[in-house]
Amino acid sequence: MVRKTKEEAQETYAALLDAAEQVFSQKGVTNTTLNDVAIAAGMTRGAIYWHFKDKNALVQAMCDRAFLPMEALLNEIIETPDKDPISALKQLDIHFLQLVSGDKRQRKVFDIIFHRCEKNPDLPFFENEKRQRAECMAKVEAIIKSAVTQGKLHPDTDTWIAMQANHAFLVGIVHEWLEDTSAYCMIAHAESMIDMFLAGLLSCPPLKKPMPVASN
């Protein structure tokens, strides 16, 4: 009986997240209430408050579920230090683009974040997202640092700028593609786009700027 209750609770939790994705996509995060989500899921407000303290917790859970596959791959790469770092970065970047373009849930969640999630100071989600993004980007920089250590990149490579460029490249592609997903097939072109970026990184990496000499 206990096991069945847990399974039912998980089913309810998943159904509420599914409903949240649908309503957020239609109305935007700011204009959506928890009651809207409960109605879309065919449940009572009590059901939604049983699982989520507030809308911030609901948004966070929605994003956590969508980001889980990407986080799992990133952690797997970090925990395999002998893996070629450039190949690892390529694998990670391609996986991200293909995941967003090939998975309807991923595509919907990123569309919500980029286009339907107004910056609202009343939503602590943005602070949590900022912290989680920083943690993720630090792991990507660790991969780039490994490429420098292994001699794959120039020893004076500015790994922080390289990481920022990689992040901006990916986010820019996804942000623009979501504006018009019919423009091209991202799954088909993901690898060639990443190869283009990595070719530039390998041939002309950003180098650390010398510290300015203080004048007397």
N, C-alpha and C. Protein backbone atom coordinates (compact mmCIF):
# COMPACT_ATOMS: atom_id res chain seq x y z
N MET A 1 0.83 -1.21 0.00
CA MET A 1 0.00 0.00 0.00
C MET A 1 0.86 1.26 0.00
N VAL A 2 1.94 1.24 0.83
CA VAL A 2 2.82 2.40 0.89
C VAL A 2 3.48 2.64 -0.45
N ARG A 3 3.92 1.54 -1.09
CA ARG A 3 4.57 1.67 -2.39
C ARG A 3 3.62 2.27 -3.41
N LYS A 4 2.36 1.83 -3.39
CA LYS A 4 1.38 2.35 -4.33
C LYS A 4 1.16 3.84 -4.09
N THR A 5 1.12 4.24 -2.82
CA THR A 5 0.94 5.65 -2.49
C THR A 5 2.10 6.49 -3.02
N LYS A 6 3.30 5.99 -2.87
CA LYS A 6 4.47 6.70 -3.38
C LYS A 6 4.42 6.82 -4.90
N GLU A 7 4.00 5.75 -5.55
CA GLU A 7 3.90 5.78 -7.01
C GLU A 7 2.83 6.78 -7.45
N GLU A 8 1.73 6.82 -6.74
CA GLU A 8 0.67 7.77 -7.08
C GLU A 8 1.14 9.20 -6.85
N ALA A 9 1.90 9.40 -5.77
CA ALA A 9 2.44 10.74 -5.48
C ALA A 9 3.38 11.19 -6.59
N GLN A 10 4.20 10.28 -7.08
CA GLN A 10 5.11 10.61 -8.18
C GLN A 10 4.36 10.92 -9.46
N GLU A 11 3.30 10.16 -9.69
CA GLU A 11 2.48 10.42 -10.87
C GLU A 11 1.82 11.79 -10.78
N THR A 12 1.34 12.14 -9.59
CA THR A 12 0.72 13.46 -9.40
C THR A 12 1.76 14.57 -9.59
N TYR A 13 2.93 14.36 -9.02
CA TYR A 13 4.03 15.33 -9.13
C TYR A 13 4.38 15.57 -10.60
N ALA A 14 4.53 14.48 -11.35
CA ALA A 14 4.88 14.59 -12.77
C ALA A 14 3.76 15.27 -13.56
N ALA A 15 2.52 14.94 -13.22
CA ALA A 15 1.37 15.54 -13.93
C ALA A 15 1.30 17.04 -13.68
N LEU A 16 1.63 17.47 -12.46
CA LEU A 16 1.62 18.90 -12.14
C LEU A 16 2.73 19.62 -12.90
N LEU A 17 3.89 19.00 -13.02
CA LEU A 17 4.97 19.60 -13.78
C LEU A 17 4.60 19.69 -15.26
N ASP A 18 3.97 18.66 -15.78
CA ASP A 18 3.52 18.68 -17.17
C ASP A 18 2.53 19.83 -17.39
N ALA A 19 1.60 19.98 -16.46
CA ALA A 19 0.61 21.04 -16.57
C ALA A 19 1.27 22.41 -16.47
N ALA A 20 2.25 22.54 -15.57
CA ALA A 20 2.96 23.81 -15.40
C ALA A 20 3.66 24.20 -16.70
N GLU A 21 4.33 23.25 -17.33
CA GLU A 21 4.99 23.53 -18.60
C GLU A 21 4.00 24.06 -19.63
N GLN A 22 2.84 23.44 -19.67
CA GLN A 22 1.83 23.83 -20.66
C GLN A 22 1.30 25.25 -20.38
N VAL A 23 0.97 25.53 -19.12
CA VAL A 23 0.38 26.83 -18.79
C VAL A 23 1.43 27.93 -18.87
N PHE A 24 2.64 27.67 -18.37
CA PHE A 24 3.70 28.67 -18.47
C PHE A 24 3.98 29.02 -19.93
N SER A 25 3.93 28.01 -20.78
CA SER A 25 4.19 28.23 -22.20
C SER A 25 3.11 29.11 -22.83
N GLN A 26 1.89 28.98 -22.36
CA GLN A 26 0.77 29.74 -22.92
C GLN A 26 0.65 31.14 -22.33
N LYS A 27 0.82 31.26 -21.01
CA LYS A 27 0.53 32.52 -20.32
C LYS A 27 1.78 33.26 -19.82
N GLY A 28 2.92 32.57 -19.81
CA GLY A 28 4.09 33.17 -19.19
C GLY A 28 4.10 32.87 -17.70
N VAL A 29 5.27 32.91 -17.10
CA VAL A 29 5.40 32.55 -15.69
C VAL A 29 4.72 33.57 -14.78
N THR A 30 4.95 34.85 -15.02
CA THR A 30 4.40 35.88 -14.15
C THR A 30 2.87 35.87 -14.13
N ASN A 31 2.24 35.63 -15.27
CA ASN A 31 0.78 35.68 -15.37
C ASN A 31 0.10 34.38 -14.97
N THR A 32 0.87 33.38 -14.61
CA THR A 32 0.30 32.09 -14.23
C THR A 32 0.21 31.97 -12.71
N THR A 33 -0.90 31.47 -12.22
CA THR A 33 -1.06 31.22 -10.79
C THR A 33 -1.00 29.71 -10.55
N LEU A 34 -0.78 29.35 -9.30
CA LEU A 34 -0.78 27.93 -8.97
C LEU A 34 -2.16 27.33 -9.21
N ASN A 35 -3.19 28.12 -9.05
CA ASN A 35 -4.54 27.64 -9.33
C ASN A 35 -4.71 27.31 -10.81
N ASP A 36 -4.09 28.12 -11.67
CA ASP A 36 -4.12 27.83 -13.12
C ASP A 36 -3.53 26.46 -13.40
N VAL A 37 -2.41 26.19 -12.75
CA VAL A 37 -1.72 24.91 -12.96
C VAL A 37 -2.57 23.76 -12.44
N ALA A 38 -3.16 23.94 -11.26
CA ALA A 38 -4.01 22.89 -10.69
C ALA A 38 -5.19 22.58 -11.61
N ILE A 39 -5.82 23.63 -12.14
CA ILE A 39 -6.95 23.43 -13.05
C ILE A 39 -6.51 22.69 -14.31
N ALA A 40 -5.36 23.09 -14.86
CA ALA A 40 -4.86 22.45 -16.09
C ALA A 40 -4.55 20.97 -15.85
N ALA A 41 -4.14 20.66 -14.61
CA ALA A 41 -3.82 19.26 -14.28
C ALA A 41 -5.06 18.48 -13.86
N GLY A 42 -6.19 19.17 -13.72
CA GLY A 42 -7.42 18.51 -13.28
C GLY A 42 -7.37 18.14 -11.82
N MET A 43 -6.69 18.97 -11.03
CA MET A 43 -6.52 18.69 -9.60
C MET A 43 -6.94 19.90 -8.77
N THR A 44 -6.96 19.72 -7.47
CA THR A 44 -7.31 20.80 -6.55
C THR A 44 -6.05 21.59 -6.18
N ARG A 45 -6.25 22.78 -5.60
CA ARG A 45 -5.12 23.57 -5.14
C ARG A 45 -4.38 22.84 -4.02
N GLY A 46 -5.14 22.05 -3.25
CA GLY A 46 -4.50 21.29 -2.18
C GLY A 46 -3.46 20.33 -2.72
N ALA A 47 -3.73 19.73 -3.88
CA ALA A 47 -2.78 18.79 -4.47
C ALA A 47 -1.49 19.48 -4.84
N ILE A 48 -1.60 20.68 -5.40
CA ILE A 48 -0.39 21.38 -5.82
C ILE A 48 0.41 21.88 -4.62
N TYR A 49 -0.29 22.33 -3.56
CA TYR A 49 0.43 22.80 -2.38
C TYR A 49 1.04 21.65 -1.58
N TRP A 50 0.54 20.46 -1.79
CA TRP A 50 1.14 19.29 -1.14
C TRP A 50 2.54 19.04 -1.68
N HIS A 51 2.74 19.35 -2.97
CA HIS A 51 4.03 19.08 -3.61
C HIS A 51 4.93 20.31 -3.73
N PHE A 52 4.33 21.50 -3.80
CA PHE A 52 5.14 22.70 -4.04
C PHE A 52 4.75 23.81 -3.07
N LYS A 53 5.74 24.37 -2.41
CA LYS A 53 5.50 25.43 -1.44
C LYS A 53 4.90 26.66 -2.09
N ASP A 54 5.41 27.01 -3.28
CA ASP A 54 4.96 28.21 -3.99
C ASP A 54 5.33 28.08 -5.46
N LYS A 55 5.05 29.12 -6.23
CA LYS A 55 5.33 29.08 -7.67
C LYS A 55 6.83 28.97 -7.94
N ASN A 56 7.62 29.61 -7.12
CA ASN A 56 9.07 29.52 -7.28
C ASN A 56 9.54 28.07 -7.23
N ALA A 57 9.02 27.32 -6.26
CA ALA A 57 9.39 25.90 -6.12
C ALA A 57 8.93 25.10 -7.33
N LEU A 58 7.78 25.46 -7.87
CA LEU A 58 7.27 24.77 -9.06
C LEU A 58 8.15 25.03 -10.27
N VAL A 59 8.52 26.30 -10.48
CA VAL A 59 9.39 26.65 -11.60
C VAL A 59 10.73 25.94 -11.47
N GLN A 60 11.27 25.93 -10.24
CA GLN A 60 12.56 25.29 -10.01
C GLN A 60 12.49 23.80 -10.31
N ALA A 61 11.42 23.14 -9.87
CA ALA A 61 11.26 21.71 -10.12
C ALA A 61 11.12 21.41 -11.60
N MET A 62 10.41 22.27 -12.32
CA MET A 62 10.25 22.10 -13.76
C MET A 62 11.61 22.16 -14.45
N CYS A 63 12.42 23.14 -14.06
CA CYS A 63 13.74 23.29 -14.68
C CYS A 63 14.67 22.15 -14.29
N ASP A 64 14.63 21.75 -13.03
CA ASP A 64 15.49 20.66 -12.56
C ASP A 64 15.22 19.38 -13.34
N ARG A 65 13.94 19.10 -13.59
CA ARG A 65 13.60 17.89 -14.34
C ARG A 65 14.13 17.96 -15.76
N ALA A 66 14.05 19.13 -16.36
CA ALA A 66 14.51 19.28 -17.74
C ALA A 66 16.04 19.24 -17.84
N PHE A 67 16.73 19.80 -16.84
CA PHE A 67 18.19 19.90 -16.90
C PHE A 67 18.90 18.63 -16.47
N LEU A 68 18.18 17.70 -15.87
CA LEU A 68 18.81 16.51 -15.29
C LEU A 68 19.67 15.73 -16.28
N PRO A 69 19.22 15.46 -17.52
CA PRO A 69 20.07 14.69 -18.45
C PRO A 69 21.38 15.41 -18.76
N MET A 70 21.34 16.72 -18.90
CA MET A 70 22.54 17.48 -19.21
C MET A 70 23.50 17.48 -18.02
N GLU A 71 22.97 17.65 -16.83
CA GLU A 71 23.80 17.63 -15.63
C GLU A 71 24.46 16.27 -15.44
N ALA A 72 23.72 15.20 -15.75
CA ALA A 72 24.26 13.85 -15.60
C ALA A 72 25.45 13.64 -16.54
N LEU A 73 25.33 14.10 -17.79
CA LEU A 73 26.43 13.95 -18.74
C LEU A 73 27.62 14.79 -18.31
N LEU A 74 27.39 16.01 -17.86
CA LEU A 74 28.48 16.88 -17.43
C LEU A 74 29.23 16.27 -16.26
N ASN A 75 28.51 15.74 -15.29
CA ASN A 75 29.15 15.11 -14.14
C ASN A 75 29.93 13.87 -14.55
N GLU A 76 29.38 13.13 -15.50
CA GLU A 76 30.07 11.93 -16.00
C GLU A 76 31.40 12.30 -16.65
N ILE A 77 31.40 13.38 -17.41
CA ILE A 77 32.62 13.83 -18.08
C ILE A 77 33.65 14.30 -17.05
N ILE A 78 33.20 15.07 -16.06
CA ILE A 78 34.10 15.58 -15.03
C ILE A 78 34.72 14.43 -14.24
N GLU A 79 33.97 13.37 -14.05
CA GLU A 79 34.45 12.23 -13.26
C GLU A 79 35.30 11.27 -14.10
N THR A 80 35.54 11.61 -15.37
CA THR A 80 36.39 10.79 -16.24
C THR A 80 37.55 11.65 -16.71
N PRO A 81 38.54 11.90 -15.83
CA PRO A 81 39.61 12.84 -16.14
C PRO A 81 40.50 12.45 -17.30
N ASP A 82 40.56 11.16 -17.66
CA ASP A 82 41.43 10.73 -18.75
C ASP A 82 40.77 10.91 -20.12
N LYS A 83 39.52 11.36 -20.16
CA LYS A 83 38.82 11.56 -21.43
C LYS A 83 39.39 12.79 -22.13
N ASP A 84 39.56 12.71 -23.45
CA ASP A 84 40.07 13.86 -24.20
C ASP A 84 39.15 15.05 -23.98
N PRO A 85 39.66 16.15 -23.41
CA PRO A 85 38.79 17.27 -23.03
C PRO A 85 38.11 17.96 -24.20
N ILE A 86 38.77 18.07 -25.34
CA ILE A 86 38.13 18.71 -26.49
C ILE A 86 37.00 17.84 -27.02
N SER A 87 37.24 16.53 -27.07
CA SER A 87 36.18 15.61 -27.48
C SER A 87 35.03 15.64 -26.48
N ALA A 88 35.37 15.77 -25.19
CA ALA A 88 34.35 15.83 -24.16
C ALA A 88 33.50 17.10 -24.30
N LEU A 89 34.16 18.21 -24.57
CA LEU A 89 33.44 19.48 -24.75
C LEU A 89 32.54 19.40 -25.98
N LYS A 90 33.05 18.79 -27.04
CA LYS A 90 32.25 18.62 -28.25
C LYS A 90 31.03 17.76 -27.96
N GLN A 91 31.24 16.65 -27.26
CA GLN A 91 30.14 15.76 -26.91
C GLN A 91 29.09 16.50 -26.09
N LEU A 92 29.54 17.27 -25.12
CA LEU A 92 28.63 18.01 -24.24
C LEU A 92 27.82 19.04 -25.02
N ASP A 93 28.50 19.80 -25.87
CA ASP A 93 27.83 20.86 -26.63
C ASP A 93 26.81 20.29 -27.63
N ILE A 94 27.21 19.25 -28.34
CA ILE A 94 26.30 18.63 -29.31
C ILE A 94 25.09 18.04 -28.58
N HIS A 95 25.36 17.38 -27.47
CA HIS A 95 24.27 16.77 -26.70
C HIS A 95 23.26 17.83 -26.28
N PHE A 96 23.75 18.98 -25.85
CA PHE A 96 22.86 20.06 -25.43
C PHE A 96 21.97 20.52 -26.58
N LEU A 97 22.57 20.80 -27.73
CA LEU A 97 21.78 21.28 -28.87
C LEU A 97 20.79 20.24 -29.36
N GLN A 98 21.22 18.99 -29.41
CA GLN A 98 20.33 17.94 -29.89
C GLN A 98 19.24 17.62 -28.88
N LEU A 99 19.55 17.78 -27.59
CA LEU A 99 18.56 17.55 -26.55
C LEU A 99 17.44 18.59 -26.64
N VAL A 100 17.83 19.85 -26.78
CA VAL A 100 16.84 20.93 -26.87
C VAL A 100 15.99 20.79 -28.14
N SER A 101 16.64 20.46 -29.25
CA SER A 101 15.90 20.40 -30.51
C SER A 101 15.14 19.10 -30.70
N GLY A 102 15.59 18.04 -30.06
CA GLY A 102 14.98 16.75 -30.29
C GLY A 102 13.97 16.31 -29.24
N ASP A 103 13.96 16.98 -28.09
CA ASP A 103 13.07 16.60 -27.01
C ASP A 103 12.04 17.71 -26.80
N LYS A 104 10.76 17.39 -26.95
CA LYS A 104 9.71 18.41 -26.84
C LYS A 104 9.69 19.08 -25.48
N ARG A 105 9.94 18.31 -24.43
CA ARG A 105 9.92 18.89 -23.09
C ARG A 105 11.07 19.87 -22.92
N GLN A 106 12.26 19.48 -23.36
CA GLN A 106 13.41 20.37 -23.26
C GLN A 106 13.16 21.66 -24.03
N ARG A 107 12.62 21.49 -25.23
CA ARG A 107 12.36 22.65 -26.09
C ARG A 107 11.36 23.59 -25.42
N LYS A 108 10.32 23.03 -24.83
CA LYS A 108 9.29 23.86 -24.20
C LYS A 108 9.85 24.59 -22.99
N VAL A 109 10.65 23.89 -22.16
CA VAL A 109 11.18 24.51 -20.96
C VAL A 109 12.15 25.64 -21.31
N PHE A 110 13.01 25.42 -22.28
CA PHE A 110 13.93 26.48 -22.67
C PHE A 110 13.20 27.66 -23.30
N ASP A 111 12.13 27.39 -24.02
CA ASP A 111 11.33 28.47 -24.58
C ASP A 111 10.69 29.29 -23.45
N ILE A 112 10.26 28.61 -22.41
CA ILE A 112 9.69 29.30 -21.25
C ILE A 112 10.75 30.18 -20.59
N ILE A 113 11.95 29.63 -20.38
CA ILE A 113 13.02 30.38 -19.72
C ILE A 113 13.43 31.59 -20.54
N PHE A 114 13.60 31.41 -21.83
CA PHE A 114 14.11 32.49 -22.69
C PHE A 114 13.04 33.53 -23.07
N HIS A 115 11.81 33.07 -23.28
CA HIS A 115 10.82 33.96 -23.86
C HIS A 115 9.56 34.18 -23.04
N ARG A 116 9.33 33.38 -22.00
CA ARG A 116 8.08 33.50 -21.26
C ARG A 116 8.29 33.55 -19.75
N CYS A 117 9.50 33.89 -19.36
CA CYS A 117 9.83 33.94 -17.94
C CYS A 117 10.37 35.33 -17.62
N GLU A 118 9.46 36.24 -17.35
CA GLU A 118 9.84 37.62 -17.10
C GLU A 118 10.71 37.72 -15.85
N LYS A 119 11.69 38.62 -15.89
CA LYS A 119 12.54 38.84 -14.73
C LYS A 119 11.69 39.45 -13.61
N ASN A 120 11.42 38.66 -12.61
CA ASN A 120 10.55 39.09 -11.53
C ASN A 120 11.28 38.95 -10.20
N PRO A 121 11.55 40.06 -9.51
CA PRO A 121 12.30 39.98 -8.25
C PRO A 121 11.57 39.19 -7.18
N ASP A 122 10.27 38.96 -7.38
CA ASP A 122 9.52 38.19 -6.40
C ASP A 122 9.75 36.69 -6.56
N LEU A 123 10.44 36.31 -7.60
CA LEU A 123 10.72 34.89 -7.83
C LEU A 123 12.18 34.59 -7.51
N PRO A 124 12.46 33.99 -6.36
CA PRO A 124 13.84 33.64 -6.01
C PRO A 124 14.46 32.65 -6.99
N PHE A 125 13.63 32.09 -7.88
CA PHE A 125 14.14 31.15 -8.87
C PHE A 125 15.33 31.73 -9.63
N PHE A 126 15.27 33.02 -9.92
CA PHE A 126 16.34 33.62 -10.71
C PHE A 126 17.67 33.60 -9.98
N GLU A 127 17.65 33.76 -8.68
CA GLU A 127 18.88 33.66 -7.90
C GLU A 127 19.39 32.23 -7.88
N ASN A 128 18.48 31.27 -7.73
CA ASN A 128 18.87 29.86 -7.75
C ASN A 128 19.44 29.48 -9.11
N GLU A 129 18.78 29.97 -10.16
CA GLU A 129 19.23 29.66 -11.53
C GLU A 129 20.62 30.25 -11.78
N LYS A 130 20.85 31.44 -11.27
CA LYS A 130 22.16 32.08 -11.42
C LYS A 130 23.25 31.26 -10.74
N ARG A 131 22.95 30.77 -9.54
CA ARG A 131 23.93 29.96 -8.81
C ARG A 131 24.19 28.64 -9.52
N GLN A 132 23.12 27.97 -9.97
CA GLN A 132 23.28 26.69 -10.66
C GLN A 132 24.02 26.85 -11.97
N ARG A 133 23.76 27.97 -12.68
CA ARG A 133 24.46 28.22 -13.93
C ARG A 133 25.94 28.42 -13.67
N ALA A 134 26.28 29.13 -12.59
CA ALA A 134 27.68 29.35 -12.25
C ALA A 134 28.39 28.03 -11.94
N GLU A 135 27.70 27.14 -11.25
CA GLU A 135 28.28 25.83 -10.93
C GLU A 135 28.52 25.02 -12.20
N CYS A 136 27.56 25.05 -13.10
CA CYS A 136 27.69 24.33 -14.37
C CYS A 136 28.83 24.89 -15.20
N MET A 137 28.91 26.22 -15.28
CA MET A 137 29.95 26.85 -16.09
C MET A 137 31.34 26.60 -15.50
N ALA A 138 31.42 26.49 -14.18
CA ALA A 138 32.70 26.18 -13.54
C ALA A 138 33.17 24.78 -13.95
N LYS A 139 32.24 23.86 -14.10
CA LYS A 139 32.59 22.51 -14.53
C LYS A 139 33.05 22.51 -15.99
N VAL A 140 32.41 23.33 -16.81
CA VAL A 140 32.84 23.43 -18.21
C VAL A 140 34.23 24.05 -18.27
N GLU A 141 34.48 25.06 -17.45
CA GLU A 141 35.82 25.65 -17.44
C GLU A 141 36.86 24.63 -17.01
N ALA A 142 36.50 23.73 -16.10
CA ALA A 142 37.43 22.68 -15.67
C ALA A 142 37.82 21.79 -16.84
N ILE A 143 36.88 21.53 -17.75
CA ILE A 143 37.17 20.74 -18.95
C ILE A 143 38.17 21.49 -19.83
N ILE A 144 37.96 22.80 -19.99
CA ILE A 144 38.85 23.61 -20.82
C ILE A 144 40.23 23.71 -20.18
N LYS A 145 40.28 23.83 -18.86
CA LYS A 145 41.57 23.85 -18.15
C LYS A 145 42.33 22.54 -18.38
N SER A 146 41.58 21.45 -18.41
CA SER A 146 42.20 20.15 -18.66
C SER A 146 42.80 20.11 -20.07
N ALA A 147 42.14 20.76 -21.02
CA ALA A 147 42.67 20.83 -22.39
C ALA A 147 43.98 21.60 -22.43
N VAL A 148 44.08 22.64 -21.60
CA VAL A 148 45.33 23.40 -21.51
C VAL A 148 46.42 22.54 -20.88
N THR A 149 46.08 21.86 -19.79
CA THR A 149 47.04 21.01 -19.09
C THR A 149 47.59 19.91 -20.00
N GLN A 150 46.72 19.36 -20.85
CA GLN A 150 47.12 18.27 -21.75
C GLN A 150 47.77 18.79 -23.04
N GLY A 151 47.92 20.09 -23.16
CA GLY A 151 48.56 20.65 -24.35
C GLY A 151 47.66 20.74 -25.56
N LYS A 152 46.36 20.59 -25.37
CA LYS A 152 45.42 20.70 -26.49
C LYS A 152 45.16 22.16 -26.85
N LEU A 153 45.33 23.04 -25.87
CA LEU A 153 45.14 24.47 -26.07
C LEU A 153 46.39 25.22 -25.64
N HIS A 154 46.56 26.42 -26.15
CA HIS A 154 47.71 27.26 -25.82
C HIS A 154 47.84 27.39 -24.29
N PRO A 155 49.05 27.31 -23.76
CA PRO A 155 49.24 27.38 -22.30
C PRO A 155 48.74 28.68 -21.67
N ASP A 156 48.65 29.75 -22.46
CA ASP A 156 48.19 31.03 -21.92
C ASP A 156 46.70 31.27 -22.22
N THR A 157 45.99 30.20 -22.58
CA THR A 157 44.55 30.35 -22.85
C THR A 157 43.82 30.89 -21.64
N ASP A 158 42.99 31.88 -21.87
CA ASP A 158 42.13 32.41 -20.81
C ASP A 158 40.92 31.49 -20.73
N THR A 159 40.98 30.53 -19.83
CA THR A 159 39.94 29.50 -19.77
C THR A 159 38.58 30.05 -19.37
N TRP A 160 38.58 31.13 -18.59
CA TRP A 160 37.31 31.72 -18.17
C TRP A 160 36.60 32.36 -19.36
N ILE A 161 37.35 33.08 -20.18
CA ILE A 161 36.76 33.69 -21.38
C ILE A 161 36.34 32.62 -22.38
N ALA A 162 37.15 31.57 -22.51
CA ALA A 162 36.80 30.48 -23.42
C ALA A 162 35.49 29.82 -22.98
N MET A 163 35.34 29.63 -21.69
CA MET A 163 34.11 29.05 -21.16
C MET A 163 32.92 29.97 -21.42
N GLN A 164 33.12 31.28 -21.20
CA GLN A 164 32.05 32.23 -21.45
C GLN A 164 31.65 32.25 -22.92
N ALA A 165 32.63 32.15 -23.81
CA ALA A 165 32.34 32.14 -25.24
C ALA A 165 31.56 30.88 -25.62
N ASN A 166 31.95 29.75 -25.06
CA ASN A 166 31.25 28.50 -25.33
C ASN A 166 29.80 28.60 -24.87
N HIS A 167 29.61 29.14 -23.68
CA HIS A 167 28.26 29.29 -23.12
C HIS A 167 27.41 30.23 -23.99
N ALA A 168 27.99 31.38 -24.34
CA ALA A 168 27.26 32.36 -25.14
C ALA A 168 26.90 31.80 -26.52
N PHE A 169 27.81 31.03 -27.09
CA PHE A 169 27.56 30.42 -28.40
C PHE A 169 26.36 29.49 -28.35
N LEU A 170 26.33 28.62 -27.34
CA LEU A 170 25.24 27.67 -27.22
C LEU A 170 23.90 28.36 -26.92
N VAL A 171 23.93 29.26 -25.95
CA VAL A 171 22.70 29.95 -25.57
C VAL A 171 22.17 30.79 -26.72
N GLY A 172 23.06 31.44 -27.44
CA GLY A 172 22.64 32.25 -28.58
C GLY A 172 21.97 31.41 -29.65
N ILE A 173 22.55 30.26 -29.96
CA ILE A 173 21.96 29.37 -30.96
C ILE A 173 20.56 28.95 -30.54
N VAL A 174 20.43 28.49 -29.30
CA VAL A 174 19.14 27.99 -28.83
C VAL A 174 18.10 29.12 -28.76
N HIS A 175 18.51 30.26 -28.24
CA HIS A 175 17.60 31.40 -28.11
C HIS A 175 17.02 31.79 -29.48
N GLU A 176 17.89 31.90 -30.48
CA GLU A 176 17.44 32.31 -31.81
C GLU A 176 16.65 31.21 -32.50
N TRP A 177 17.08 29.97 -32.33
CA TRP A 177 16.40 28.86 -32.99
C TRP A 177 14.97 28.71 -32.47
N LEU A 178 14.78 28.94 -31.17
CA LEU A 178 13.45 28.82 -30.59
C LEU A 178 12.50 29.90 -31.12
N GLU A 179 13.04 30.99 -31.63
CA GLU A 179 12.20 32.02 -32.24
C GLU A 179 11.56 31.51 -33.53
N ASP A 180 12.27 30.61 -34.22
CA ASP A 180 11.74 30.05 -35.47
C ASP A 180 12.36 28.67 -35.68
N THR A 181 11.74 27.66 -35.09
CA THR A 181 12.28 26.30 -35.16
C THR A 181 12.21 25.70 -36.56
N SER A 182 11.47 26.36 -37.46
CA SER A 182 11.38 25.85 -38.83
C SER A 182 12.52 26.37 -39.70
N ALA A 183 13.35 27.26 -39.16
CA ALA A 183 14.42 27.87 -39.96
C ALA A 183 15.41 26.83 -40.47
N TYR A 184 15.74 25.89 -39.62
CA TYR A 184 16.64 24.80 -40.03
C TYR A 184 16.54 23.68 -39.01
N CYS A 185 17.05 22.51 -39.38
CA CYS A 185 17.01 21.34 -38.50
C CYS A 185 18.25 21.37 -37.61
N MET A 186 18.08 21.74 -36.34
CA MET A 186 19.24 21.87 -35.47
C MET A 186 19.87 20.51 -35.17
N ILE A 187 19.07 19.47 -35.10
CA ILE A 187 19.65 18.14 -34.86
C ILE A 187 20.64 17.80 -35.97
N ALA A 188 20.28 18.11 -37.21
CA ALA A 188 21.13 17.78 -38.35
C ALA A 188 22.39 18.62 -38.40
N HIS A 189 22.32 19.87 -37.93
CA HIS A 189 23.45 20.79 -38.07
C HIS A 189 24.22 21.04 -36.78
N ALA A 190 23.80 20.42 -35.69
CA ALA A 190 24.45 20.67 -34.40
C ALA A 190 25.94 20.38 -34.44
N GLU A 191 26.32 19.22 -34.98
CA GLU A 191 27.73 18.84 -34.96
C GLU A 191 28.58 19.80 -35.79
N SER A 192 28.11 20.20 -36.96
CA SER A 192 28.91 21.09 -37.80
C SER A 192 29.06 22.47 -37.15
N MET A 193 28.02 22.93 -36.45
CA MET A 193 28.13 24.22 -35.77
C MET A 193 29.12 24.16 -34.61
N ILE A 194 29.08 23.06 -33.87
CA ILE A 194 30.03 22.91 -32.75
C ILE A 194 31.45 22.74 -33.28
N ASP A 195 31.61 22.00 -34.37
CA ASP A 195 32.94 21.84 -34.97
C ASP A 195 33.51 23.20 -35.39
N MET A 196 32.65 24.06 -35.91
CA MET A 196 33.08 25.39 -36.32
C MET A 196 33.59 26.17 -35.11
N PHE A 197 32.84 26.14 -34.01
CA PHE A 197 33.25 26.86 -32.81
C PHE A 197 34.56 26.31 -32.25
N LEU A 198 34.65 24.99 -32.16
CA LEU A 198 35.85 24.38 -31.58
C LEU A 198 37.08 24.60 -32.47
N ALA A 199 36.88 24.64 -33.79
CA ALA A 199 38.00 24.92 -34.69
C ALA A 199 38.57 26.31 -34.39
N GLY A 200 37.68 27.26 -34.14
CA GLY A 200 38.13 28.60 -33.78
C GLY A 200 38.82 28.62 -32.44
N LEU A 201 38.29 27.88 -31.49
CA LEU A 201 38.91 27.82 -30.16
C LEU A 201 40.30 27.21 -30.23
N LEU A 202 40.46 26.17 -31.02
CA LEU A 202 41.76 25.50 -31.13
C LEU A 202 42.79 26.34 -31.89
N SER A 203 42.35 26.99 -32.95
CA SER A 203 43.29 27.74 -33.78
C SER A 203 43.60 29.13 -33.24
N CYS A 204 42.64 29.70 -32.53
CA CYS A 204 42.83 31.07 -32.03
C CYS A 204 42.15 31.24 -30.68
N PRO A 205 42.67 30.56 -29.65
CA PRO A 205 42.03 30.66 -28.34
C PRO A 205 42.22 32.04 -27.72
N PRO A 206 41.29 32.47 -26.86
CA PRO A 206 41.50 33.75 -26.17
C PRO A 206 42.67 33.61 -25.20
N LEU A 207 43.58 34.55 -25.24
CA LEU A 207 44.76 34.48 -24.37
C LEU A 207 44.63 35.46 -23.22
N LYS A 208 45.27 35.12 -22.13
CA LYS A 208 45.25 35.98 -20.96
C LYS A 208 45.93 37.31 -21.29
N LYS A 209 45.32 38.37 -20.86
CA LYS A 209 45.86 39.70 -21.09
C LYS A 209 46.91 40.00 -20.01
N PRO A 210 48.06 40.58 -20.42
CA PRO A 210 49.05 40.91 -19.41
C PRO A 210 48.52 41.98 -18.47
N MET A 211 48.90 41.86 -17.21
CA MET A 211 48.46 42.83 -16.22
C MET A 211 49.11 44.19 -16.52
N PRO A 212 48.34 45.27 -16.48
CA PRO A 212 48.91 46.58 -16.74
C PRO A 212 49.96 46.96 -15.70
N VAL A 213 51.02 47.58 -16.15
CA VAL A 213 52.09 48.00 -15.24
C VAL A 213 51.67 49.30 -14.56
N ALA A 214 51.70 49.29 -13.26
CA ALA A 214 51.30 50.48 -12.51
C ALA A 214 52.33 51.60 -12.71
N SER A 215 51.83 52.78 -12.98
CA SER A 215 52.74 53.91 -13.18
C SER A 215 53.10 54.53 -11.82
N ASN A 216 54.33 55.01 -11.72
CA ASN A 216 54.79 55.62 -10.47
C ASN A 216 54.27 57.05 -10.35
